Amino acid sequence: MNKIFTKIILGICVMFLFTGTAFAANSTSIRLQQPKSPTNEDTFKITFVALDTNPDQAVNVQCYKRGPTDADYVTFGSVINLTNGGNTDICQVEGSIMNQGVGTYSFKVIAAGSTNVTSNIVSVDFNNSEKPGAPEGYSKSKPDDCTYKINFKTANDSGRTIKVVLYRSADATFNVDSAHQVNSVNIGSDTDGSMTDNISPNCSTNYYYAIRAFDIYGNGSDPRGDANTSTTIINPTTTTQTQGAIEVLGGEVLGEKEVSSEAAKEVLGEDKTIEKNVLQESTASIMSWIASHKIVSAVILIILIGTLLSLYRKSKKRVE
């Protein structure tokens, strides 16, 4: 009799093992990468990875956003059709999506495969309408033949300034951009600061300088610099020219570059973890279902035991 019950228990365990595997084999998972935040950029990509443990299952993904004034999440962009088994792709965010002004924008995606799943939520703190105050008290000196020193005081702008960047050119007319950046310093509002620039081996060259303050979003202030310079700030959509390093319009965006392939690799690196989590979650779901359907589970168990006993008796008769 003990042998019978041993076989019954073994049979039940095997059945549940295969049932659990079947459930796990039909599971979809998805994960979003956190984009840059805070930011002043209204155009960026959010990389995601969607996987299905069934390699023949198509996976479709829809992007969602919730702006500062949205009551709930709304879709944006077309449905993204991935290859069978899943893949990596992006939700492309444009200015038309970031159209509710300053505030926090949240994003998620929903993947439809073997199962429908919702991703993690990522949020972006957005502000492109304000900028820090321009530095004050600008002055330039040359303490030795190969060194320029720039002194200044940041504006009293209620903590918006977090950084000052120094730009240099051998021409009095130059672009205030990353190509001309030579130094920077992290500094707060209403604070005296200075930066030096070693020009060796071009010690005999006369250089011109300008500085700008930036906030946590990457918004830049009006520039300040040598009185006899003319600087141009080049933005993605506009070009503004200033005389004497006092800007007329606009502000340069100091931002992170587009999401690179390395970012995609970073998300893809989580694939194995996602698959492992899918199996764990599937097993947990099965156990949860059994716990919440005790009567049905008991009936199934009785049927299984009866079936196994019947099979055992038949096999015993054949032996006899």
Protein backbone atom coordinates (compact mmCIF):
# COMPACT_ATOMS: atom_id res chain seq x y z
CA MET A 1 0.00 0.00 0.00
CA ASN A 2 2.87 2.37 0.76
CA LYS A 3 4.19 1.77 -2.75
CA ILE A 4 0.83 2.78 -4.18
CA PHE A 5 0.74 6.07 -2.31
CA THR A 6 4.35 6.72 -3.24
CA LYS A 7 3.48 6.33 -6.91
CA ILE A 8 0.40 8.53 -6.49
CA ILE A 9 2.38 11.35 -4.87
CA LEU A 10 5.11 11.00 -7.47
CA GLY A 11 2.53 11.14 -10.26
CA ILE A 12 0.92 14.27 -8.83
CA CYS A 13 4.29 16.00 -8.45
CA VAL A 14 5.23 15.14 -12.04
CA MET A 15 1.90 16.46 -13.30
CA PHE A 16 2.22 19.76 -11.45
CA LEU A 17 5.84 20.05 -12.58
CA PHE A 18 4.82 19.75 -16.24
CA THR A 19 1.79 21.99 -15.71
CA GLY A 20 4.03 24.66 -14.17
CA THR A 21 6.45 24.35 -17.08
CA ALA A 22 3.60 24.76 -19.55
CA PHE A 23 2.41 27.92 -17.84
CA ALA A 24 5.94 29.31 -17.66
CA ALA A 25 6.52 28.57 -21.32
CA ASN A 26 3.67 30.92 -22.20
CA SER A 27 4.79 34.05 -20.40
CA THR A 28 5.72 37.53 -21.60
CA SER A 29 7.98 40.03 -19.82
CA ILE A 30 8.99 43.61 -20.54
CA ARG A 31 11.27 46.24 -19.04
CA LEU A 32 11.89 49.93 -19.74
CA GLN A 33 15.21 51.75 -19.40
CA GLN A 34 15.22 54.97 -17.36
CA PRO A 35 15.84 57.96 -19.66
CA LYS A 36 17.79 61.04 -18.59
CA SER A 37 16.09 63.00 -15.82
CA PRO A 38 15.93 65.88 -15.03
CA THR A 39 16.15 67.26 -18.56
CA ASN A 40 15.21 70.15 -20.84
CA GLU A 41 15.05 67.91 -23.92
CA ASP A 42 11.61 67.18 -25.33
CA THR A 43 12.86 64.66 -27.90
CA PHE A 44 14.42 61.41 -26.74
CA LYS A 45 14.15 57.63 -26.94
CA ILE A 46 13.12 55.17 -24.27
CA THR A 47 14.64 51.74 -24.86
CA PHE A 48 12.74 48.62 -23.83
CA VAL A 49 13.18 44.85 -24.01
CA ALA A 50 10.16 42.58 -24.43
CA LEU A 51 10.59 38.79 -24.26
CA ASP A 52 8.32 35.81 -24.59
CA THR A 53 9.33 32.35 -23.40
CA ASN A 54 7.54 30.92 -26.43
CA PRO A 55 9.97 31.54 -29.33
CA ASP A 56 7.13 31.28 -31.89
CA GLN A 57 4.94 33.87 -30.18
CA ALA A 58 4.66 37.35 -31.76
CA VAL A 59 4.97 40.25 -29.32
CA ASN A 60 3.26 43.62 -29.84
CA VAL A 61 4.08 46.67 -27.73
CA GLN A 62 2.20 49.94 -27.17
CA CYS A 63 3.81 53.03 -25.55
CA TYR A 64 1.95 55.12 -22.95
CA LYS A 65 2.61 58.48 -21.30
CA ARG A 66 1.08 60.49 -18.49
CA GLY A 67 1.82 64.21 -18.47
CA PRO A 68 1.46 66.72 -15.59
CA THR A 69 -2.18 67.43 -16.53
CA ASP A 70 -3.23 63.97 -17.74
CA ALA A 71 -5.82 62.18 -15.61
CA ASP A 72 -4.52 58.79 -16.75
CA TYR A 73 -2.08 57.21 -19.18
CA VAL A 74 -2.67 57.77 -22.89
CA THR A 75 -1.14 55.97 -25.85
CA PHE A 76 1.37 57.52 -28.22
CA GLY A 77 2.96 56.22 -31.38
CA SER A 78 1.92 53.18 -33.36
CA VAL A 79 1.85 49.62 -32.06
CA ILE A 80 5.37 48.17 -32.29
CA ASN A 81 5.45 44.67 -33.77
CA LEU A 82 8.45 42.71 -32.54
CA THR A 83 9.87 39.50 -33.95
CA ASN A 84 8.63 36.20 -32.54
CA GLY A 85 9.96 35.62 -29.05
CA GLY A 86 10.47 39.35 -28.48
CA ASN A 87 13.27 41.84 -29.04
CA THR A 88 14.50 45.31 -28.09
CA ASP A 89 13.04 48.53 -29.52
CA ILE A 90 12.24 52.12 -28.52
CA CYS A 91 9.39 54.45 -27.68
CA GLN A 92 10.17 57.68 -29.57
CA VAL A 93 9.24 60.75 -27.52
CA GLU A 94 8.69 64.01 -29.44
CA GLY A 95 7.81 67.57 -28.53
CA SER A 96 4.15 66.79 -29.20
CA ILE A 97 4.28 64.29 -26.33
CA MET A 98 6.04 66.66 -23.91
CA ASN A 99 3.44 69.33 -24.59
CA GLN A 100 2.15 70.15 -21.12
CA GLY A 101 4.99 72.37 -19.99
CA VAL A 102 7.14 72.04 -16.90
CA GLY A 103 6.54 68.98 -14.75
CA THR A 104 6.91 65.22 -14.42
CA TYR A 105 6.08 62.92 -17.32
CA SER A 106 5.66 59.20 -16.67
CA PHE A 107 6.02 56.44 -19.25
CA LYS A 108 5.17 52.75 -19.47
CA VAL A 109 4.56 50.13 -22.15
CA ILE A 110 2.17 47.21 -22.42
CA ALA A 111 3.27 44.09 -24.26
CA ALA A 112 0.87 41.57 -25.76
CA GLY A 113 2.33 38.12 -26.32
CA SER A 114 1.51 34.82 -24.65
CA THR A 115 0.25 37.06 -21.86
CA ASN A 116 -0.45 40.79 -21.57
CA VAL A 117 2.02 42.49 -19.24
CA THR A 118 2.70 46.07 -18.16
CA SER A 119 6.26 47.31 -17.76
CA ASN A 120 7.85 49.24 -14.95
CA ILE A 121 7.11 52.99 -14.92
CA VAL A 122 9.87 55.52 -15.64
CA SER A 123 9.51 59.25 -14.97
CA VAL A 124 11.17 62.32 -16.48
CA ASP A 125 11.38 65.68 -14.71
CA PHE A 126 11.10 68.20 -17.56
CA ASN A 127 11.77 71.97 -17.69
CA ASN A 128 12.87 73.93 -20.75
CA SER A 129 11.16 77.26 -20.06
CA GLU A 130 13.36 78.71 -17.32
CA LYS A 131 17.09 79.34 -17.09
CA PRO A 132 19.56 80.40 -14.41
CA GLY A 133 20.76 83.97 -14.07
CA ALA A 134 23.87 85.02 -15.99
CA PRO A 135 27.11 85.20 -13.96
CA GLU A 136 28.12 88.64 -12.74
CA GLY A 137 31.42 90.42 -12.07
CA TYR A 138 33.24 88.79 -14.98
CA SER A 139 36.96 89.57 -15.23
CA LYS A 140 39.97 88.05 -17.00
CA SER A 141 43.62 88.11 -15.99
CA LYS A 142 46.85 86.41 -17.06
CA PRO A 143 48.86 85.46 -13.97
CA ASP A 144 51.64 83.96 -16.12
CA ASP A 145 52.53 83.65 -19.81
CA CYS A 146 50.65 80.36 -20.30
CA THR A 147 47.64 80.75 -17.99
CA TYR A 148 44.43 82.75 -18.14
CA LYS A 149 42.26 83.15 -15.06
CA ILE A 150 38.55 83.98 -15.16
CA ASN A 151 36.84 85.40 -12.07
CA PHE A 152 33.07 85.76 -11.65
CA LYS A 153 30.15 85.61 -9.24
CA THR A 154 27.09 83.50 -9.92
CA ALA A 155 23.67 85.12 -9.95
CA ASN A 156 21.39 85.14 -6.94
CA ASP A 157 18.81 82.97 -8.72
CA SER A 158 17.33 80.96 -5.83
CA GLY A 159 19.52 77.92 -6.35
CA ARG A 160 19.02 77.43 -10.07
CA THR A 161 22.73 77.67 -10.87
CA ILE A 162 24.62 74.44 -10.29
CA LYS A 163 27.47 74.79 -12.80
CA VAL A 164 29.45 77.37 -14.81
CA VAL A 165 31.14 76.49 -18.11
CA LEU A 166 34.11 78.30 -19.68
CA TYR A 167 34.50 78.71 -23.47
CA ARG A 168 37.58 79.89 -25.41
CA SER A 169 38.51 80.94 -28.94
CA ALA A 170 41.44 82.54 -30.71
CA ASP A 171 38.88 84.62 -32.66
CA ALA A 172 36.78 87.39 -31.18
CA THR A 173 33.75 85.94 -32.96
CA PHE A 174 33.04 82.34 -31.98
CA ASN A 175 30.36 79.81 -31.14
CA VAL A 176 29.56 79.15 -27.50
CA ASP A 177 29.28 75.37 -27.78
CA SER A 178 30.90 72.13 -26.69
CA ALA A 179 33.65 72.47 -29.33
CA HIS A 180 34.92 75.62 -27.57
CA GLN A 181 34.46 74.43 -23.97
CA VAL A 182 37.74 74.34 -22.04
CA ASN A 183 36.71 74.12 -18.39
CA SER A 184 33.78 73.96 -15.99
CA VAL A 185 33.12 74.14 -12.27
CA ASN A 186 30.25 72.93 -10.10
CA ILE A 187 29.04 75.91 -8.13
CA GLY A 188 25.85 77.21 -6.56
CA SER A 189 23.98 80.52 -6.69
CA ASP A 190 25.32 83.83 -5.38
CA THR A 191 28.87 82.47 -5.03
CA ASP A 192 32.30 83.81 -6.01
CA GLY A 193 34.11 81.51 -8.40
CA SER A 194 37.06 81.25 -10.76
CA MET A 195 38.50 79.00 -13.45
CA THR A 196 41.93 78.80 -15.07
CA ASP A 197 42.94 77.79 -18.57
CA ASN A 198 46.44 76.60 -19.42
CA ILE A 199 47.12 77.54 -23.07
CA SER A 200 50.53 75.88 -23.39
CA PRO A 201 52.16 75.47 -25.90
CA ASN A 202 50.33 78.41 -27.53
CA CYS A 203 51.38 80.84 -24.84
CA SER A 204 51.77 83.78 -27.23
CA THR A 205 48.21 83.45 -28.62
CA ASN A 206 45.62 85.99 -27.50
CA TYR A 207 42.48 84.12 -26.47
CA TYR A 208 38.91 85.32 -25.92
CA TYR A 209 36.59 83.86 -23.28
CA ALA A 210 32.92 83.58 -22.33
CA ILE A 211 31.09 81.81 -19.49
CA ARG A 212 27.57 80.51 -18.95
CA ALA A 213 25.68 79.15 -15.94
CA PHE A 214 23.56 75.97 -16.16
CA ASP A 215 20.81 74.44 -14.03
CA ILE A 216 20.01 70.78 -13.29
CA TYR A 217 17.89 70.53 -16.44
CA GLY A 218 20.69 71.71 -18.74
CA ASN A 219 19.18 75.15 -19.36
CA GLY A 220 21.93 77.73 -20.00
CA SER A 221 22.05 81.36 -18.95
CA ASP A 222 22.95 84.35 -21.07
CA PRO A 223 26.74 84.35 -21.61
CA ARG A 224 29.17 86.82 -20.07
CA GLY A 225 32.69 87.40 -21.33
CA ASP A 226 35.21 89.70 -22.96
CA ALA A 227 33.64 92.99 -24.00
CA ASN A 228 35.11 92.88 -27.51
CA THR A 229 33.74 89.44 -28.42
CA SER A 230 30.74 88.34 -30.47
CA THR A 231 29.42 84.92 -29.49
CA THR A 232 26.86 82.72 -31.21
CA ILE A 233 24.82 80.07 -29.42
CA ILE A 234 23.65 77.31 -31.75
CA ASN A 235 20.48 75.51 -30.68
CA PRO A 236 18.78 72.56 -32.42
CA THR A 237 16.26 74.90 -34.10
CA THR A 238 17.63 78.44 -33.74
CA THR A 239 20.88 80.36 -33.97
CA THR A 240 21.26 83.48 -31.84
CA GLN A 241 24.09 85.99 -31.98
CA THR A 242 25.29 88.20 -29.15
CA GLN A 243 27.67 91.12 -28.87
CA GLY A 244 30.03 91.43 -25.96
CA ALA A 245 28.97 87.96 -24.77
CA ILE A 246 25.48 89.18 -23.80
CA GLU A 247 22.93 86.86 -25.36
CA VAL A 248 19.84 88.25 -27.04
CA LEU A 249 17.69 85.09 -27.25
CA GLY A 250 17.56 81.42 -26.46
CA GLY A 251 19.74 79.09 -24.48
CA GLU A 252 21.95 76.21 -25.42
CA VAL A 253 20.88 72.73 -24.46
CA LEU A 254 23.51 70.86 -22.50
CA GLY A 255 22.09 67.39 -22.75
CA GLU A 256 22.79 63.74 -22.97
CA LYS A 257 23.18 62.30 -26.44
CA GLU A 258 20.59 60.02 -27.96
CA VAL A 259 20.26 56.62 -26.37
CA SER A 260 23.14 54.64 -27.83
CA SER A 261 23.49 50.98 -28.64
CA GLU A 262 25.25 50.63 -25.28
CA ALA A 263 22.01 51.65 -23.58
CA ALA A 264 20.18 48.93 -25.46
CA LYS A 265 22.87 46.44 -24.41
CA GLU A 266 22.38 47.52 -20.82
CA VAL A 267 18.70 46.65 -20.99
CA LEU A 268 19.37 43.47 -22.98
CA GLY A 269 21.82 42.43 -20.30
CA GLU A 270 18.79 41.88 -18.08
CA ASP A 271 17.33 39.24 -20.43
CA LYS A 272 18.42 36.22 -18.39
CA THR A 273 17.19 37.81 -15.19
CA ILE A 274 13.84 38.56 -16.83
CA GLU A 275 13.48 34.95 -18.03
CA LYS A 276 14.32 33.66 -14.56
CA ASN A 277 11.79 36.04 -13.02
CA VAL A 278 9.16 34.90 -15.52
CA LEU A 279 9.59 31.27 -14.40
CA GLN A 280 9.48 32.27 -10.74
CA GLU A 281 6.41 34.44 -11.23
CA SER A 282 4.65 31.70 -13.20
CA THR A 283 5.27 29.14 -10.46
CA ALA A 284 4.08 31.63 -7.85
CA SER A 285 0.95 32.29 -9.93
CA ILE A 286 0.14 28.55 -10.05
CA MET A 287 0.53 28.19 -6.28
CA SER A 288 -1.55 31.32 -5.74
CA TRP A 289 -4.32 29.91 -7.97
CA ILE A 290 -4.35 26.64 -6.04
CA ALA A 291 -4.54 28.55 -2.73
CA SER A 292 -7.46 30.68 -3.94
CA HIS A 293 -9.37 27.74 -5.53
CA LYS A 294 -9.15 25.15 -2.77
CA ILE A 295 -12.35 23.27 -3.62
CA VAL A 296 -11.56 23.01 -7.33
CA SER A 297 -7.99 21.98 -6.49
CA ALA A 298 -9.27 19.30 -4.10
CA VAL A 299 -11.60 17.91 -6.80
CA ILE A 300 -8.74 17.81 -9.29
CA LEU A 301 -6.56 16.07 -6.71
CA ILE A 302 -9.25 13.43 -6.02
CA ILE A 303 -9.67 12.81 -9.75
CA LEU A 304 -5.92 12.43 -10.13
CA ILE A 305 -5.69 10.01 -7.23
CA GLY A 306 -8.61 7.99 -8.59
CA THR A 307 -7.04 7.89 -12.05
CA LEU A 308 -3.70 6.78 -10.66
CA LEU A 309 -5.31 4.09 -8.49
CA SER A 310 -7.25 2.80 -11.49
CA LEU A 311 -4.09 2.65 -13.57
CA TYR A 312 -2.30 0.88 -10.73
CA ARG A 313 -5.04 -1.78 -10.39
CA LYS A 314 -5.04 -2.41 -14.14
CA SER A 315 -1.27 -2.81 -14.21
CA LYS A 316 -1.42 -5.15 -11.19
CA LYS A 317 -4.02 -7.36 -12.90
CA ARG A 318 -1.84 -7.61 -15.98
CA VAL A 319 1.06 -8.75 -13.82
CA GLU A 320 -1.10 -11.40 -12.11
